N, C-alpha and C. Protein backbone atom coordinates (compact mmCIF):
# COMPACT_ATOMS: atom_id res chain seq x y z
N MET A 1 9.07 -10.88 45.82
CA MET A 1 8.37 -10.38 44.66
C MET A 1 9.30 -9.45 43.88
N ALA A 2 9.23 -9.52 42.56
CA ALA A 2 10.10 -8.72 41.70
C ALA A 2 9.64 -7.27 41.68
N SER A 3 10.62 -6.40 41.65
CA SER A 3 10.28 -4.98 41.59
C SER A 3 9.93 -4.59 40.15
N GLN A 4 9.37 -3.41 40.03
CA GLN A 4 8.98 -2.92 38.71
C GLN A 4 10.21 -2.76 37.81
N GLU A 5 11.30 -2.28 38.38
CA GLU A 5 12.53 -2.08 37.60
C GLU A 5 13.06 -3.42 37.07
N GLU A 6 13.00 -4.47 37.89
CA GLU A 6 13.47 -5.78 37.45
C GLU A 6 12.59 -6.32 36.32
N LEU A 7 11.28 -6.14 36.45
CA LEU A 7 10.37 -6.59 35.39
C LEU A 7 10.63 -5.84 34.09
N PHE A 8 10.79 -4.54 34.19
CA PHE A 8 11.06 -3.75 32.98
C PHE A 8 12.38 -4.17 32.34
N ALA A 9 13.39 -4.42 33.17
CA ALA A 9 14.70 -4.82 32.67
C ALA A 9 14.61 -6.17 31.96
N SER A 10 13.85 -7.11 32.53
CA SER A 10 13.74 -8.42 31.89
C SER A 10 12.97 -8.34 30.57
N VAL A 11 11.96 -7.47 30.52
CA VAL A 11 11.24 -7.29 29.26
C VAL A 11 12.13 -6.63 28.21
N ASP A 12 12.95 -5.67 28.64
CA ASP A 12 13.88 -5.02 27.71
C ASP A 12 14.87 -6.01 27.13
N VAL A 13 15.37 -6.94 27.97
CA VAL A 13 16.30 -7.97 27.51
C VAL A 13 15.60 -8.87 26.49
N LEU A 14 14.36 -9.24 26.79
CA LEU A 14 13.60 -10.09 25.90
C LEU A 14 13.40 -9.42 24.53
N LEU A 15 13.06 -8.16 24.54
CA LEU A 15 12.83 -7.44 23.28
C LEU A 15 14.13 -7.21 22.50
N ALA A 16 15.24 -7.07 23.22
CA ALA A 16 16.52 -6.84 22.56
C ALA A 16 17.06 -8.10 21.90
N GLU A 17 16.64 -9.27 22.37
CA GLU A 17 17.15 -10.53 21.83
C GLU A 17 16.78 -10.74 20.38
N GLU A 18 15.54 -10.55 20.07
CA GLU A 18 15.06 -10.86 18.73
C GLU A 18 14.34 -9.65 18.15
N PRO A 19 14.78 -9.19 16.99
CA PRO A 19 14.10 -8.04 16.41
C PRO A 19 12.67 -8.39 16.02
N GLN A 20 11.75 -7.52 16.36
CA GLN A 20 10.35 -7.73 16.04
C GLN A 20 10.02 -7.04 14.72
N LEU A 21 9.71 -7.82 13.73
CA LEU A 21 9.32 -7.26 12.44
C LEU A 21 7.81 -7.08 12.41
N PRO A 22 7.36 -6.09 11.68
CA PRO A 22 5.91 -5.93 11.54
C PRO A 22 5.32 -7.08 10.73
N THR A 23 4.01 -7.14 10.69
CA THR A 23 3.33 -8.18 9.92
C THR A 23 3.68 -8.03 8.44
N PRO A 24 3.53 -9.08 7.65
CA PRO A 24 3.86 -8.98 6.23
C PRO A 24 3.13 -7.84 5.50
N ALA A 25 1.83 -7.67 5.78
CA ALA A 25 1.09 -6.59 5.11
C ALA A 25 1.63 -5.23 5.54
N GLU A 26 1.99 -5.11 6.82
CA GLU A 26 2.55 -3.85 7.32
C GLU A 26 3.91 -3.57 6.71
N ARG A 27 4.68 -4.61 6.44
CA ARG A 27 5.98 -4.43 5.79
C ARG A 27 5.82 -3.77 4.42
N ALA A 28 4.85 -4.28 3.66
CA ALA A 28 4.60 -3.71 2.33
C ALA A 28 4.13 -2.27 2.46
N ARG A 29 3.26 -2.00 3.43
CA ARG A 29 2.75 -0.63 3.61
C ARG A 29 3.87 0.33 3.98
N LEU A 30 4.76 -0.10 4.88
CA LEU A 30 5.87 0.75 5.28
C LEU A 30 6.82 1.02 4.11
N ARG A 31 7.07 -0.03 3.33
CA ARG A 31 7.96 0.15 2.18
C ARG A 31 7.36 1.14 1.19
N GLU A 32 6.07 0.98 0.90
CA GLU A 32 5.41 1.88 -0.04
C GLU A 32 5.34 3.30 0.51
N ALA A 33 5.10 3.43 1.82
CA ALA A 33 5.03 4.75 2.43
C ALA A 33 6.38 5.46 2.37
N ALA A 34 7.45 4.66 2.38
CA ALA A 34 8.79 5.24 2.28
C ALA A 34 9.17 5.54 0.83
N GLY A 35 8.32 5.13 -0.10
CA GLY A 35 8.60 5.40 -1.51
C GLY A 35 9.68 4.51 -2.09
N VAL A 36 9.78 3.29 -1.58
CA VAL A 36 10.81 2.36 -2.02
C VAL A 36 10.15 1.20 -2.77
N THR A 37 10.70 0.87 -3.92
CA THR A 37 10.17 -0.27 -4.68
C THR A 37 10.76 -1.56 -4.13
N GLN A 38 10.11 -2.66 -4.45
CA GLN A 38 10.63 -3.97 -4.02
C GLN A 38 12.01 -4.20 -4.62
N ALA A 39 12.20 -3.82 -5.85
CA ALA A 39 13.49 -4.04 -6.52
C ALA A 39 14.59 -3.23 -5.82
N ARG A 40 14.27 -2.00 -5.46
CA ARG A 40 15.27 -1.15 -4.80
C ARG A 40 15.60 -1.68 -3.40
N LEU A 41 14.57 -2.13 -2.68
CA LEU A 41 14.81 -2.70 -1.35
C LEU A 41 15.64 -3.97 -1.45
N ALA A 42 15.32 -4.80 -2.43
CA ALA A 42 16.08 -6.04 -2.63
C ALA A 42 17.55 -5.73 -2.92
N GLN A 43 17.77 -4.72 -3.73
CA GLN A 43 19.15 -4.35 -4.06
C GLN A 43 19.88 -3.86 -2.81
N ALA A 44 19.20 -3.07 -1.98
CA ALA A 44 19.83 -2.54 -0.76
C ALA A 44 20.12 -3.65 0.24
N LEU A 45 19.25 -4.66 0.30
CA LEU A 45 19.44 -5.76 1.25
C LEU A 45 20.22 -6.93 0.66
N LYS A 46 20.73 -6.74 -0.55
CA LYS A 46 21.54 -7.77 -1.23
C LYS A 46 20.78 -9.09 -1.35
N THR A 47 19.55 -9.01 -1.85
CA THR A 47 18.73 -10.18 -2.07
C THR A 47 17.95 -9.97 -3.36
N THR A 48 17.01 -10.86 -3.65
CA THR A 48 16.24 -10.74 -4.89
C THR A 48 14.88 -10.10 -4.62
N GLN A 49 14.29 -9.60 -5.68
CA GLN A 49 12.97 -9.00 -5.58
C GLN A 49 11.93 -10.06 -5.17
N GLN A 50 12.09 -11.28 -5.65
CA GLN A 50 11.17 -12.36 -5.29
C GLN A 50 11.22 -12.63 -3.78
N THR A 51 12.40 -12.55 -3.19
CA THR A 51 12.53 -12.76 -1.75
C THR A 51 11.77 -11.68 -0.98
N VAL A 52 11.89 -10.43 -1.42
CA VAL A 52 11.16 -9.34 -0.76
C VAL A 52 9.65 -9.56 -0.92
N THR A 53 9.22 -10.01 -2.09
CA THR A 53 7.81 -10.31 -2.31
C THR A 53 7.35 -11.41 -1.35
N ASP A 54 8.18 -12.44 -1.18
CA ASP A 54 7.84 -13.53 -0.25
C ASP A 54 7.72 -13.02 1.18
N TRP A 55 8.59 -12.10 1.59
CA TRP A 55 8.53 -11.52 2.93
C TRP A 55 7.21 -10.76 3.11
N GLU A 56 6.82 -10.02 2.09
CA GLU A 56 5.63 -9.17 2.20
C GLU A 56 4.34 -9.96 2.07
N HIS A 57 4.41 -11.18 1.54
CA HIS A 57 3.22 -12.02 1.45
C HIS A 57 3.19 -13.09 2.54
N GLY A 58 4.19 -13.09 3.42
CA GLY A 58 4.22 -14.01 4.54
C GLY A 58 4.66 -15.41 4.19
N ARG A 59 5.24 -15.61 3.01
CA ARG A 59 5.68 -16.94 2.62
C ARG A 59 7.03 -17.31 3.25
N SER A 60 7.79 -16.29 3.64
CA SER A 60 9.07 -16.53 4.30
C SER A 60 9.39 -15.33 5.19
N GLU A 61 10.40 -15.49 6.02
CA GLU A 61 10.84 -14.43 6.93
C GLU A 61 12.30 -14.10 6.63
N PRO A 62 12.68 -12.83 6.78
CA PRO A 62 14.09 -12.49 6.58
C PRO A 62 14.98 -13.14 7.63
N ARG A 63 16.16 -13.58 7.21
CA ARG A 63 17.12 -14.19 8.13
C ARG A 63 18.19 -13.15 8.48
N PRO A 64 18.79 -13.30 9.68
CA PRO A 64 19.81 -12.32 10.10
C PRO A 64 20.92 -12.20 9.06
N PRO A 65 21.45 -11.05 8.86
CA PRO A 65 21.24 -9.76 9.52
C PRO A 65 20.15 -8.90 8.85
N ARG A 66 19.42 -9.44 7.93
CA ARG A 66 18.44 -8.64 7.19
C ARG A 66 17.29 -8.09 8.04
N PRO A 67 16.80 -8.81 9.05
CA PRO A 67 15.71 -8.22 9.85
C PRO A 67 16.08 -6.89 10.49
N GLU A 68 17.33 -6.79 10.97
CA GLU A 68 17.78 -5.53 11.57
C GLU A 68 17.79 -4.41 10.54
N ALA A 69 18.25 -4.73 9.35
CA ALA A 69 18.27 -3.72 8.28
C ALA A 69 16.84 -3.38 7.85
N TYR A 70 15.99 -4.39 7.79
CA TYR A 70 14.59 -4.19 7.38
C TYR A 70 13.86 -3.29 8.37
N GLN A 71 14.21 -3.38 9.65
CA GLN A 71 13.57 -2.56 10.66
C GLN A 71 13.88 -1.08 10.49
N ARG A 72 14.92 -0.76 9.80
CA ARG A 72 15.29 0.64 9.59
C ARG A 72 14.44 1.30 8.51
N LEU A 73 13.64 0.50 7.83
CA LEU A 73 12.84 1.01 6.72
C LEU A 73 11.96 2.20 7.08
N PRO A 74 11.25 2.20 8.21
CA PRO A 74 10.40 3.35 8.52
C PRO A 74 11.16 4.66 8.63
N ARG A 75 12.46 4.58 8.82
CA ARG A 75 13.26 5.80 8.95
C ARG A 75 13.67 6.39 7.60
N LEU A 76 13.35 5.68 6.52
CA LEU A 76 13.68 6.20 5.21
C LEU A 76 12.86 7.44 4.91
N ARG A 77 13.26 8.16 3.91
CA ARG A 77 12.57 9.41 3.58
C ARG A 77 11.10 9.16 3.26
N PRO A 78 10.25 10.06 3.69
CA PRO A 78 8.83 9.88 3.38
C PRO A 78 8.54 10.24 1.93
N LEU A 79 7.41 9.80 1.46
CA LEU A 79 6.99 10.13 0.10
C LEU A 79 6.78 11.63 -0.03
N PRO A 80 7.16 12.20 -1.17
CA PRO A 80 6.86 13.62 -1.35
C PRO A 80 5.36 13.81 -1.45
N PRO A 81 4.86 14.97 -1.03
CA PRO A 81 3.42 15.17 -1.09
C PRO A 81 2.93 15.16 -2.53
N ARG A 82 1.76 14.57 -2.71
CA ARG A 82 1.19 14.52 -4.06
C ARG A 82 0.63 15.88 -4.42
N PRO A 83 0.80 16.27 -5.68
CA PRO A 83 0.18 17.53 -6.08
C PRO A 83 -1.34 17.37 -6.05
N SER A 84 -1.99 18.41 -5.59
CA SER A 84 -3.44 18.31 -5.50
C SER A 84 -4.04 18.41 -6.90
N ARG A 85 -5.04 17.61 -7.10
CA ARG A 85 -5.73 17.62 -8.39
C ARG A 85 -6.99 18.44 -8.23
N ARG A 86 -7.03 19.54 -8.91
CA ARG A 86 -8.23 20.37 -8.84
C ARG A 86 -9.21 19.86 -9.87
N ARG A 87 -10.41 19.68 -9.43
CA ARG A 87 -11.44 19.23 -10.36
C ARG A 87 -12.01 20.43 -11.10
N ARG A 88 -12.32 20.17 -12.33
CA ARG A 88 -12.98 21.21 -13.11
C ARG A 88 -14.39 21.38 -12.60
N PRO A 89 -14.88 22.60 -12.66
CA PRO A 89 -16.26 22.75 -12.24
C PRO A 89 -17.16 21.94 -13.16
N SER A 90 -18.11 21.30 -12.55
CA SER A 90 -18.97 20.44 -13.36
C SER A 90 -19.89 21.27 -14.24
N VAL A 91 -20.01 20.84 -15.46
CA VAL A 91 -20.88 21.51 -16.41
C VAL A 91 -22.10 20.63 -16.58
N ARG A 92 -23.24 21.21 -16.36
CA ARG A 92 -24.47 20.42 -16.50
C ARG A 92 -24.75 20.23 -17.98
N ARG A 93 -24.88 19.02 -18.35
CA ARG A 93 -25.18 18.72 -19.74
C ARG A 93 -26.68 18.56 -19.89
N ARG A 94 -27.14 19.01 -21.03
CA ARG A 94 -28.56 18.85 -21.28
C ARG A 94 -28.84 17.39 -21.57
N ARG A 95 -29.92 16.96 -21.04
CA ARG A 95 -30.31 15.58 -21.23
C ARG A 95 -30.81 15.37 -22.65
N ARG A 96 -30.32 14.38 -23.30
CA ARG A 96 -30.75 14.10 -24.66
C ARG A 96 -32.07 13.36 -24.66
N VAL A 97 -32.91 13.79 -25.54
CA VAL A 97 -34.20 13.13 -25.69
C VAL A 97 -34.04 12.14 -26.83
N PRO A 98 -34.41 10.88 -26.62
CA PRO A 98 -34.24 9.91 -27.70
C PRO A 98 -35.14 10.24 -28.88
N VAL A 99 -34.55 10.11 -30.05
CA VAL A 99 -35.28 10.37 -31.29
C VAL A 99 -35.74 9.03 -31.84
N PRO A 100 -37.02 8.91 -32.23
CA PRO A 100 -37.47 7.63 -32.77
C PRO A 100 -36.74 7.31 -34.07
N LEU A 101 -36.46 6.06 -34.27
CA LEU A 101 -35.73 5.65 -35.46
C LEU A 101 -36.61 5.67 -36.71
N PHE A 102 -37.87 5.55 -36.55
CA PHE A 102 -38.77 5.60 -37.71
C PHE A 102 -40.02 6.37 -37.30
N ARG A 103 -40.67 6.92 -38.32
CA ARG A 103 -41.92 7.63 -38.07
C ARG A 103 -43.06 6.76 -38.56
N PRO A 104 -44.04 6.55 -37.74
CA PRO A 104 -45.17 5.74 -38.22
C PRO A 104 -45.91 6.47 -39.34
N ARG A 105 -46.32 5.70 -40.34
CA ARG A 105 -47.05 6.29 -41.47
C ARG A 105 -48.46 6.68 -41.05
N MET A 106 -48.90 7.72 -41.64
CA MET A 106 -50.28 8.12 -41.42
C MET A 106 -51.09 7.52 -42.56
N ARG A 107 -52.08 6.77 -42.27
CA ARG A 107 -52.91 6.18 -43.31
C ARG A 107 -54.00 7.17 -43.75
N ARG A 108 -54.17 7.20 -44.99
CA ARG A 108 -55.24 8.05 -45.50
C ARG A 108 -56.54 7.25 -45.47
N ARG A 109 -57.54 7.95 -45.13
CA ARG A 109 -58.85 7.31 -45.17
C ARG A 109 -59.41 7.39 -46.57
N ARG A 110 -59.94 6.33 -46.98
CA ARG A 110 -60.56 6.31 -48.31
C ARG A 110 -62.02 6.78 -48.20
N PRO A 111 -62.43 7.59 -49.12
CA PRO A 111 -63.83 8.04 -49.08
C PRO A 111 -64.83 6.98 -49.45
């Protein structure tokens, strides 16, 4: 029977063979979280923006050596914190009462 160390070693070899990329949707989320545009990522990976779009929509997969470079994406600088938007205190507006467009005539009674 294999020992725990042998099993761990064989799993480590298996994982080292092929880089595991996140799912296409996760790739887009990681890129956006890093504050990188598709165009900028494409330029860094020496490919086209359409290719990066295809990777993020699952239409194609990056070919070596790009997967290794793509895996480094989470290590890019994080997005700067967004400035907080303070809401103005709400002002209660008076409800408008609809005004009739015409006034009905009052008929005079004839004697």
